[in-house]
Amino acid sequence: MSGPGVKHLDETGFRVAGRGQWLHVLSTAQLTYYRTSRQRGGVLAGLRGILVHDHWASYFTVDGVLHAMCNIHHLRELEALAKIDGEDWARRMQQLLRRAKRVVDSARERGVALPRSLLEKIAGRYDELVREALAYHEGLEPLRPATAGHLEVN
């Protein structure tokens, strides 16, 4: 799987006879490679093309590729920010990403390109929500280390 193209990477922890293991998955549109390991690391060397993955730091050690973040991971993180932390911008970002995907899927099914004006509208709304998120987080009280390994707000 070292040729060009899109490759999806992920890992999942599981237990066998009480011992932790990792299932590493690398897939393309045609092939899927599975590998188990006692260690989470060990991303395959020699990969080329585009790697779609979560934000796990080890994936960023692969050189000579383009990195694309997996939107399902973004949606999960946004879900937590919206539901647990009550950040409304996160709910609206989820909606935008889902709508954009539906629009792209529909255009792909019809074999047409998205109009530039629609792409610019989606990108503009995305940028607005990112600015809103940054402003929200910059306005929060900084976290400070607390005793017993917990974080506390000042």
N, C-alpha and C. Protein backbone atom coordinates (compact mmCIF):
# COMPACT_ATOMS: atom_id res chain seq x y z
N MET A 1 0.82 -1.19 0.00
CA MET A 1 0.00 0.00 0.00
C MET A 1 0.87 1.25 0.00
N SER A 2 1.94 1.20 -0.73
CA SER A 2 2.84 2.35 -0.71
C SER A 2 2.63 3.28 -1.89
N GLY A 3 1.71 2.98 -2.80
CA GLY A 3 1.47 3.84 -3.95
C GLY A 3 0.67 5.07 -3.57
N PRO A 4 0.48 5.96 -4.57
CA PRO A 4 -0.29 7.17 -4.30
C PRO A 4 -1.76 6.84 -4.08
N GLY A 5 -2.50 7.81 -3.61
CA GLY A 5 -3.92 7.62 -3.36
C GLY A 5 -4.25 7.86 -1.92
N VAL A 6 -5.52 7.66 -1.59
CA VAL A 6 -6.02 7.91 -0.24
C VAL A 6 -5.96 6.64 0.59
N LYS A 7 -5.40 6.77 1.78
CA LYS A 7 -5.32 5.66 2.72
C LYS A 7 -5.91 6.11 4.05
N HIS A 8 -6.70 5.25 4.65
CA HIS A 8 -7.32 5.54 5.94
C HIS A 8 -6.60 4.74 7.01
N LEU A 9 -6.21 5.41 8.10
CA LEU A 9 -5.51 4.76 9.20
C LEU A 9 -6.32 4.89 10.48
N ASP A 10 -6.35 3.82 11.26
CA ASP A 10 -7.00 3.90 12.56
C ASP A 10 -6.46 2.77 13.44
N GLU A 11 -6.71 2.89 14.72
CA GLU A 11 -6.29 1.86 15.68
C GLU A 11 -7.35 1.76 16.76
N THR A 12 -7.52 0.55 17.25
CA THR A 12 -8.53 0.29 18.28
C THR A 12 -7.92 -0.62 19.33
N GLY A 13 -8.09 -0.26 20.58
CA GLY A 13 -7.60 -1.10 21.67
C GLY A 13 -8.60 -2.19 22.00
N PHE A 14 -8.08 -3.36 22.38
CA PHE A 14 -8.93 -4.48 22.82
C PHE A 14 -8.11 -5.35 23.76
N ARG A 15 -8.78 -6.30 24.40
CA ARG A 15 -8.10 -7.17 25.37
C ARG A 15 -8.22 -8.63 24.93
N VAL A 16 -7.11 -9.36 25.08
CA VAL A 16 -7.08 -10.80 24.85
C VAL A 16 -6.51 -11.42 26.10
N ALA A 17 -7.28 -12.29 26.73
CA ALA A 17 -6.85 -12.94 27.97
C ALA A 17 -6.37 -11.91 29.00
N GLY A 18 -7.08 -10.79 29.07
CA GLY A 18 -6.76 -9.77 30.06
C GLY A 18 -5.61 -8.86 29.72
N ARG A 19 -5.00 -9.05 28.56
CA ARG A 19 -3.85 -8.22 28.16
C ARG A 19 -4.26 -7.27 27.04
N GLY A 20 -3.81 -6.03 27.15
CA GLY A 20 -4.11 -5.03 26.15
C GLY A 20 -3.43 -5.30 24.83
N GLN A 21 -4.15 -5.10 23.75
CA GLN A 21 -3.65 -5.25 22.39
C GLN A 21 -4.16 -4.06 21.57
N TRP A 22 -3.59 -3.87 20.40
CA TRP A 22 -4.04 -2.84 19.47
C TRP A 22 -4.27 -3.47 18.11
N LEU A 23 -5.38 -3.12 17.52
CA LEU A 23 -5.67 -3.52 16.14
C LEU A 23 -5.44 -2.29 15.28
N HIS A 24 -4.46 -2.36 14.40
CA HIS A 24 -4.15 -1.27 13.47
C HIS A 24 -4.78 -1.61 12.13
N VAL A 25 -5.42 -0.62 11.53
CA VAL A 25 -6.09 -0.82 10.25
C VAL A 25 -5.60 0.23 9.26
N LEU A 26 -5.24 -0.21 8.07
CA LEU A 26 -4.87 0.66 6.96
C LEU A 26 -5.71 0.21 5.78
N SER A 27 -6.49 1.13 5.20
CA SER A 27 -7.35 0.70 4.09
C SER A 27 -7.33 1.71 2.96
N THR A 28 -7.56 1.18 1.76
CA THR A 28 -7.78 1.98 0.56
C THR A 28 -9.17 1.58 0.04
N ALA A 29 -9.54 2.11 -1.10
CA ALA A 29 -10.83 1.73 -1.69
C ALA A 29 -10.84 0.26 -2.10
N GLN A 30 -9.66 -0.35 -2.33
CA GLN A 30 -9.60 -1.74 -2.79
C GLN A 30 -9.11 -2.74 -1.75
N LEU A 31 -8.30 -2.30 -0.80
CA LEU A 31 -7.64 -3.23 0.13
C LEU A 31 -7.75 -2.75 1.57
N THR A 32 -7.71 -3.73 2.49
CA THR A 32 -7.63 -3.41 3.92
C THR A 32 -6.56 -4.30 4.54
N TYR A 33 -5.68 -3.68 5.31
CA TYR A 33 -4.60 -4.37 6.00
C TYR A 33 -4.84 -4.27 7.49
N TYR A 34 -4.82 -5.42 8.18
CA TYR A 34 -4.99 -5.46 9.63
C TYR A 34 -3.70 -5.95 10.27
N ARG A 35 -3.37 -5.36 11.42
CA ARG A 35 -2.18 -5.80 12.16
C ARG A 35 -2.47 -5.64 13.63
N THR A 36 -2.12 -6.63 14.42
CA THR A 36 -2.26 -6.51 15.87
C THR A 36 -0.89 -6.31 16.48
N SER A 37 -0.89 -5.64 17.63
CA SER A 37 0.36 -5.35 18.31
C SER A 37 0.06 -5.09 19.78
N ARG A 38 1.04 -5.34 20.62
CA ARG A 38 0.90 -4.99 22.04
C ARG A 38 1.14 -3.51 22.26
N GLN A 39 1.74 -2.84 21.25
CA GLN A 39 2.01 -1.41 21.37
C GLN A 39 1.11 -0.65 20.40
N ARG A 40 0.75 0.55 20.81
CA ARG A 40 -0.13 1.36 19.97
C ARG A 40 0.63 1.90 18.76
N GLY A 41 1.89 2.16 18.86
CA GLY A 41 2.66 2.79 17.79
C GLY A 41 2.98 1.87 16.64
N GLY A 42 3.98 2.26 15.89
CA GLY A 42 4.44 1.42 14.80
C GLY A 42 3.71 1.65 13.49
N VAL A 43 3.48 2.90 13.15
CA VAL A 43 2.84 3.21 11.87
C VAL A 43 3.75 2.72 10.76
N LEU A 44 3.17 2.17 9.74
CA LEU A 44 3.94 1.61 8.63
C LEU A 44 4.79 2.66 7.94
N ALA A 45 6.01 2.27 7.58
CA ALA A 45 6.91 3.18 6.87
C ALA A 45 6.66 3.08 5.37
N GLY A 46 7.08 4.08 4.65
CA GLY A 46 7.02 4.04 3.20
C GLY A 46 5.67 4.38 2.59
N LEU A 47 4.76 4.90 3.38
CA LEU A 47 3.45 5.25 2.84
C LEU A 47 3.55 6.51 1.98
N ARG A 48 2.72 6.59 0.95
CA ARG A 48 2.66 7.75 0.08
C ARG A 48 1.21 8.12 -0.15
N GLY A 49 0.99 9.31 -0.66
CA GLY A 49 -0.36 9.74 -0.98
C GLY A 49 -0.96 10.56 0.14
N ILE A 50 -2.25 10.35 0.37
CA ILE A 50 -3.00 11.08 1.39
C ILE A 50 -3.36 10.12 2.50
N LEU A 51 -3.04 10.47 3.74
CA LEU A 51 -3.40 9.67 4.90
C LEU A 51 -4.54 10.35 5.65
N VAL A 52 -5.66 9.66 5.75
CA VAL A 52 -6.81 10.16 6.49
C VAL A 52 -6.79 9.48 7.85
N HIS A 53 -6.81 10.28 8.92
CA HIS A 53 -6.68 9.71 10.25
C HIS A 53 -7.22 10.66 11.30
N ASP A 54 -7.25 10.17 12.54
CA ASP A 54 -7.58 11.06 13.66
C ASP A 54 -6.33 11.89 13.96
N HIS A 55 -6.33 12.62 15.02
CA HIS A 55 -5.21 13.52 15.32
C HIS A 55 -4.10 12.85 16.12
N TRP A 56 -4.05 11.53 16.14
CA TRP A 56 -3.04 10.85 16.92
C TRP A 56 -1.65 11.25 16.43
N ALA A 57 -0.81 11.70 17.33
CA ALA A 57 0.49 12.29 16.99
C ALA A 57 1.38 11.38 16.16
N SER A 58 1.35 10.07 16.38
CA SER A 58 2.23 9.16 15.64
C SER A 58 1.98 9.20 14.14
N TYR A 59 0.74 9.47 13.74
CA TYR A 59 0.47 9.53 12.30
C TYR A 59 1.20 10.71 11.64
N PHE A 60 1.44 11.76 12.41
CA PHE A 60 2.12 12.92 11.86
C PHE A 60 3.62 12.70 11.70
N THR A 61 4.14 11.56 12.18
CA THR A 61 5.56 11.25 11.98
C THR A 61 5.82 10.68 10.60
N VAL A 62 4.77 10.33 9.87
CA VAL A 62 4.94 9.79 8.51
C VAL A 62 5.24 10.95 7.58
N ASP A 63 6.42 10.91 6.97
CA ASP A 63 6.85 11.98 6.07
C ASP A 63 6.45 11.64 4.64
N GLY A 64 6.43 12.68 3.80
CA GLY A 64 6.20 12.48 2.38
C GLY A 64 4.75 12.21 2.01
N VAL A 65 3.82 12.55 2.90
CA VAL A 65 2.40 12.34 2.62
C VAL A 65 1.64 13.63 2.92
N LEU A 66 0.41 13.69 2.43
CA LEU A 66 -0.49 14.75 2.84
C LEU A 66 -1.38 14.16 3.93
N HIS A 67 -1.65 14.94 4.96
CA HIS A 67 -2.48 14.48 6.06
C HIS A 67 -3.87 15.10 5.95
N ALA A 68 -4.88 14.26 6.08
CA ALA A 68 -6.27 14.72 6.10
C ALA A 68 -6.91 14.16 7.36
N MET A 69 -7.64 15.02 8.07
CA MET A 69 -8.26 14.58 9.31
C MET A 69 -9.62 13.95 9.02
N CYS A 70 -9.91 12.89 9.73
CA CYS A 70 -11.16 12.15 9.57
C CYS A 70 -12.32 12.95 10.16
N ASN A 71 -13.32 13.23 9.33
CA ASN A 71 -14.43 14.05 9.81
C ASN A 71 -15.26 13.38 10.89
N ILE A 72 -15.34 12.05 10.93
CA ILE A 72 -16.13 11.43 12.00
C ILE A 72 -15.49 11.73 13.36
N HIS A 73 -14.17 11.82 13.40
CA HIS A 73 -13.50 12.20 14.64
C HIS A 73 -13.82 13.66 14.99
N HIS A 74 -13.83 14.53 13.98
CA HIS A 74 -14.22 15.92 14.23
C HIS A 74 -15.64 15.98 14.78
N LEU A 75 -16.55 15.23 14.17
CA LEU A 75 -17.95 15.27 14.61
C LEU A 75 -18.09 14.78 16.05
N ARG A 76 -17.33 13.76 16.44
CA ARG A 76 -17.38 13.26 17.82
C ARG A 76 -16.88 14.32 18.80
N GLU A 77 -15.78 14.97 18.46
CA GLU A 77 -15.25 16.01 19.33
C GLU A 77 -16.22 17.18 19.44
N LEU A 78 -16.81 17.56 18.31
CA LEU A 78 -17.80 18.65 18.32
C LEU A 78 -19.02 18.27 19.15
N GLU A 79 -19.42 16.99 19.08
CA GLU A 79 -20.56 16.51 19.87
C GLU A 79 -20.29 16.70 21.36
N ALA A 80 -19.09 16.35 21.78
CA ALA A 80 -18.72 16.51 23.19
C ALA A 80 -18.73 17.99 23.59
N LEU A 81 -18.17 18.84 22.75
CA LEU A 81 -18.14 20.27 23.07
C LEU A 81 -19.56 20.84 23.15
N ALA A 82 -20.44 20.38 22.28
CA ALA A 82 -21.81 20.88 22.28
C ALA A 82 -22.60 20.35 23.47
N LYS A 83 -22.54 19.04 23.71
CA LYS A 83 -23.38 18.44 24.75
C LYS A 83 -22.81 18.60 26.15
N ILE A 84 -21.53 18.37 26.31
CA ILE A 84 -20.93 18.39 27.65
C ILE A 84 -20.58 19.81 28.07
N ASP A 85 -19.96 20.56 27.15
CA ASP A 85 -19.50 21.90 27.51
C ASP A 85 -20.47 23.00 27.11
N GLY A 86 -21.54 22.64 26.39
CA GLY A 86 -22.55 23.63 26.02
C GLY A 86 -22.06 24.68 25.03
N GLU A 87 -21.12 24.32 24.16
CA GLU A 87 -20.58 25.27 23.19
C GLU A 87 -21.42 25.23 21.91
N ASP A 88 -22.26 26.24 21.74
CA ASP A 88 -23.22 26.24 20.63
C ASP A 88 -22.54 26.30 19.27
N TRP A 89 -21.38 26.96 19.18
CA TRP A 89 -20.67 27.01 17.90
C TRP A 89 -20.36 25.60 17.42
N ALA A 90 -20.09 24.67 18.35
CA ALA A 90 -19.74 23.30 17.98
C ALA A 90 -20.92 22.58 17.33
N ARG A 91 -22.13 22.82 17.85
CA ARG A 91 -23.32 22.22 17.26
C ARG A 91 -23.51 22.75 15.83
N ARG A 92 -23.31 24.05 15.65
CA ARG A 92 -23.47 24.64 14.33
C ARG A 92 -22.39 24.17 13.36
N MET A 93 -21.17 23.92 13.87
CA MET A 93 -20.11 23.38 13.01
C MET A 93 -20.47 21.96 12.58
N GLN A 94 -21.01 21.15 13.49
CA GLN A 94 -21.48 19.81 13.11
C GLN A 94 -22.49 19.90 11.98
N GLN A 95 -23.45 20.78 12.12
CA GLN A 95 -24.48 20.94 11.09
C GLN A 95 -23.86 21.32 9.75
N LEU A 96 -22.93 22.26 9.78
CA LEU A 96 -22.27 22.70 8.55
C LEU A 96 -21.53 21.54 7.88
N LEU A 97 -20.75 20.78 8.66
CA LEU A 97 -19.98 19.67 8.09
C LEU A 97 -20.91 18.60 7.50
N ARG A 98 -22.00 18.31 8.20
CA ARG A 98 -22.95 17.31 7.68
C ARG A 98 -23.64 17.80 6.41
N ARG A 99 -24.06 19.05 6.40
CA ARG A 99 -24.71 19.61 5.20
C ARG A 99 -23.74 19.64 4.03
N ALA A 100 -22.50 20.06 4.28
CA ALA A 100 -21.51 20.10 3.21
C ALA A 100 -21.29 18.71 2.63
N LYS A 101 -21.24 17.69 3.48
CA LYS A 101 -21.06 16.33 2.99
C LYS A 101 -22.24 15.90 2.12
N ARG A 102 -23.46 16.22 2.55
CA ARG A 102 -24.64 15.85 1.76
C ARG A 102 -24.60 16.54 0.39
N VAL A 103 -24.22 17.81 0.36
CA VAL A 103 -24.15 18.55 -0.89
C VAL A 103 -23.10 17.93 -1.82
N VAL A 104 -21.94 17.62 -1.28
CA VAL A 104 -20.86 17.02 -2.08
C VAL A 104 -21.29 15.64 -2.59
N ASP A 105 -21.87 14.82 -1.71
CA ASP A 105 -22.32 13.49 -2.13
C ASP A 105 -23.36 13.58 -3.24
N SER A 106 -24.29 14.52 -3.11
CA SER A 106 -25.33 14.69 -4.13
C SER A 106 -24.72 15.10 -5.47
N ALA A 107 -23.78 16.04 -5.44
CA ALA A 107 -23.12 16.47 -6.67
C ALA A 107 -22.35 15.32 -7.30
N ARG A 108 -21.66 14.54 -6.47
CA ARG A 108 -20.88 13.41 -6.97
C ARG A 108 -21.80 12.38 -7.64
N GLU A 109 -22.94 12.09 -7.03
CA GLU A 109 -23.90 11.14 -7.60
C GLU A 109 -24.41 11.61 -8.96
N ARG A 110 -24.58 12.92 -9.11
CA ARG A 110 -25.07 13.47 -10.38
C ARG A 110 -23.96 13.71 -11.37
N GLY A 111 -22.70 13.57 -10.93
CA GLY A 111 -21.56 13.77 -11.82
C GLY A 111 -21.32 15.22 -12.18
N VAL A 112 -21.64 16.12 -11.23
CA VAL A 112 -21.44 17.55 -11.49
C VAL A 112 -20.51 18.14 -10.43
N ALA A 113 -19.89 19.24 -10.79
CA ALA A 113 -19.03 19.95 -9.84
C ALA A 113 -19.87 20.93 -9.04
N LEU A 114 -19.45 21.18 -7.82
CA LEU A 114 -20.13 22.20 -7.01
C LEU A 114 -19.80 23.58 -7.58
N PRO A 115 -20.79 24.44 -7.61
CA PRO A 115 -20.49 25.81 -8.07
C PRO A 115 -19.51 26.48 -7.12
N ARG A 116 -18.62 27.27 -7.69
CA ARG A 116 -17.61 27.97 -6.90
C ARG A 116 -18.27 28.82 -5.81
N SER A 117 -19.40 29.43 -6.13
CA SER A 117 -20.09 30.29 -5.15
C SER A 117 -20.54 29.48 -3.93
N LEU A 118 -20.96 28.23 -4.13
CA LEU A 118 -21.36 27.39 -3.01
C LEU A 118 -20.15 26.98 -2.18
N LEU A 119 -19.06 26.62 -2.84
CA LEU A 119 -17.83 26.29 -2.12
C LEU A 119 -17.37 27.48 -1.27
N GLU A 120 -17.44 28.67 -1.84
CA GLU A 120 -17.03 29.86 -1.09
C GLU A 120 -17.97 30.13 0.08
N LYS A 121 -19.25 29.87 -0.09
CA LYS A 121 -20.21 30.06 1.00
C LYS A 121 -19.92 29.09 2.14
N ILE A 122 -19.67 27.82 1.80
CA ILE A 122 -19.36 26.82 2.83
C ILE A 122 -18.07 27.19 3.55
N ALA A 123 -17.04 27.54 2.78
CA ALA A 123 -15.75 27.92 3.38
C ALA A 123 -15.89 29.16 4.25
N GLY A 124 -16.68 30.12 3.81
CA GLY A 124 -16.89 31.34 4.59
C GLY A 124 -17.58 31.05 5.91
N ARG A 125 -18.60 30.19 5.87
CA ARG A 125 -19.30 29.84 7.11
C ARG A 125 -18.37 29.07 8.05
N TYR A 126 -17.57 28.18 7.49
CA TYR A 126 -16.59 27.43 8.28
C TYR A 126 -15.65 28.41 8.99
N ASP A 127 -15.10 29.36 8.24
CA ASP A 127 -14.19 30.34 8.82
C ASP A 127 -14.86 31.16 9.93
N GLU A 128 -16.14 31.53 9.73
CA GLU A 128 -16.87 32.27 10.76
C GLU A 128 -16.97 31.46 12.05
N LEU A 129 -17.29 30.17 11.92
CA LEU A 129 -17.43 29.33 13.11
C LEU A 129 -16.10 29.10 13.80
N VAL A 130 -15.03 28.98 13.04
CA VAL A 130 -13.70 28.83 13.65
C VAL A 130 -13.34 30.11 14.42
N ARG A 131 -13.62 31.27 13.83
CA ARG A 131 -13.35 32.53 14.55
C ARG A 131 -14.18 32.62 15.83
N GLU A 132 -15.44 32.19 15.75
CA GLU A 132 -16.30 32.21 16.94
C GLU A 132 -15.74 31.28 18.02
N ALA A 133 -15.29 30.09 17.61
CA ALA A 133 -14.73 29.13 18.57
C ALA A 133 -13.46 29.68 19.22
N LEU A 134 -12.59 30.28 18.41
CA LEU A 134 -11.36 30.85 18.96
C LEU A 134 -11.67 31.97 19.95
N ALA A 135 -12.60 32.83 19.60
CA ALA A 135 -12.96 33.93 20.49
C ALA A 135 -13.54 33.39 21.79
N TYR A 136 -14.38 32.36 21.70
CA TYR A 136 -14.97 31.76 22.90
C TYR A 136 -13.88 31.21 23.81
N HIS A 137 -12.96 30.43 23.23
CA HIS A 137 -11.93 29.79 24.05
C HIS A 137 -10.89 30.79 24.57
N GLU A 138 -10.60 31.82 23.80
CA GLU A 138 -9.68 32.84 24.29
C GLU A 138 -10.27 33.60 25.47
N GLY A 139 -11.59 33.63 25.57
CA GLY A 139 -12.26 34.32 26.66
C GLY A 139 -12.41 33.49 27.93
N LEU A 140 -12.06 32.22 27.88
CA LEU A 140 -12.18 31.36 29.06
C LEU A 140 -11.04 31.60 30.03
N GLU A 141 -11.32 31.34 31.29
CA GLU A 141 -10.27 31.37 32.30
C GLU A 141 -9.28 30.25 32.01
N PRO A 142 -7.98 30.52 32.14
CA PRO A 142 -7.00 29.45 31.91
C PRO A 142 -7.11 28.36 32.97
N LEU A 143 -6.79 27.14 32.57
CA LEU A 143 -6.74 26.02 33.51
C LEU A 143 -5.42 26.07 34.25
N ARG A 144 -5.45 25.65 35.49
CA ARG A 144 -4.20 25.57 36.26
C ARG A 144 -4.12 24.19 36.88
N PRO A 145 -2.90 23.66 37.01
CA PRO A 145 -2.76 22.34 37.64
C PRO A 145 -3.27 22.37 39.07
N ALA A 146 -3.89 21.29 39.46
CA ALA A 146 -4.41 21.16 40.83
C ALA A 146 -3.75 19.95 41.47
N THR A 147 -4.05 19.72 42.70
CA THR A 147 -3.51 18.56 43.39
C THR A 147 -4.18 17.29 42.87
N ALA A 148 -3.55 16.18 43.09
CA ALA A 148 -4.06 14.85 42.73
C ALA A 148 -4.28 14.70 41.23
N GLY A 149 -3.55 15.46 40.41
CA GLY A 149 -3.60 15.27 38.98
C GLY A 149 -4.84 15.79 38.29
N HIS A 150 -5.65 16.58 38.96
CA HIS A 150 -6.84 17.15 38.34
C HIS A 150 -6.54 18.59 37.90
N LEU A 151 -7.31 19.07 36.92
CA LEU A 151 -7.18 20.45 36.50
C LEU A 151 -8.32 21.25 37.10
N GLU A 152 -8.04 22.48 37.44
CA GLU A 152 -9.06 23.35 37.99
C GLU A 152 -9.05 24.66 37.20
N VAL A 153 -10.19 25.31 37.15
CA VAL A 153 -10.29 26.63 36.54
C VAL A 153 -9.96 27.67 37.59
N ASN A 154 -9.19 28.69 37.20
CA ASN A 154 -8.84 29.77 38.15
C ASN A 154 -10.07 30.49 38.61
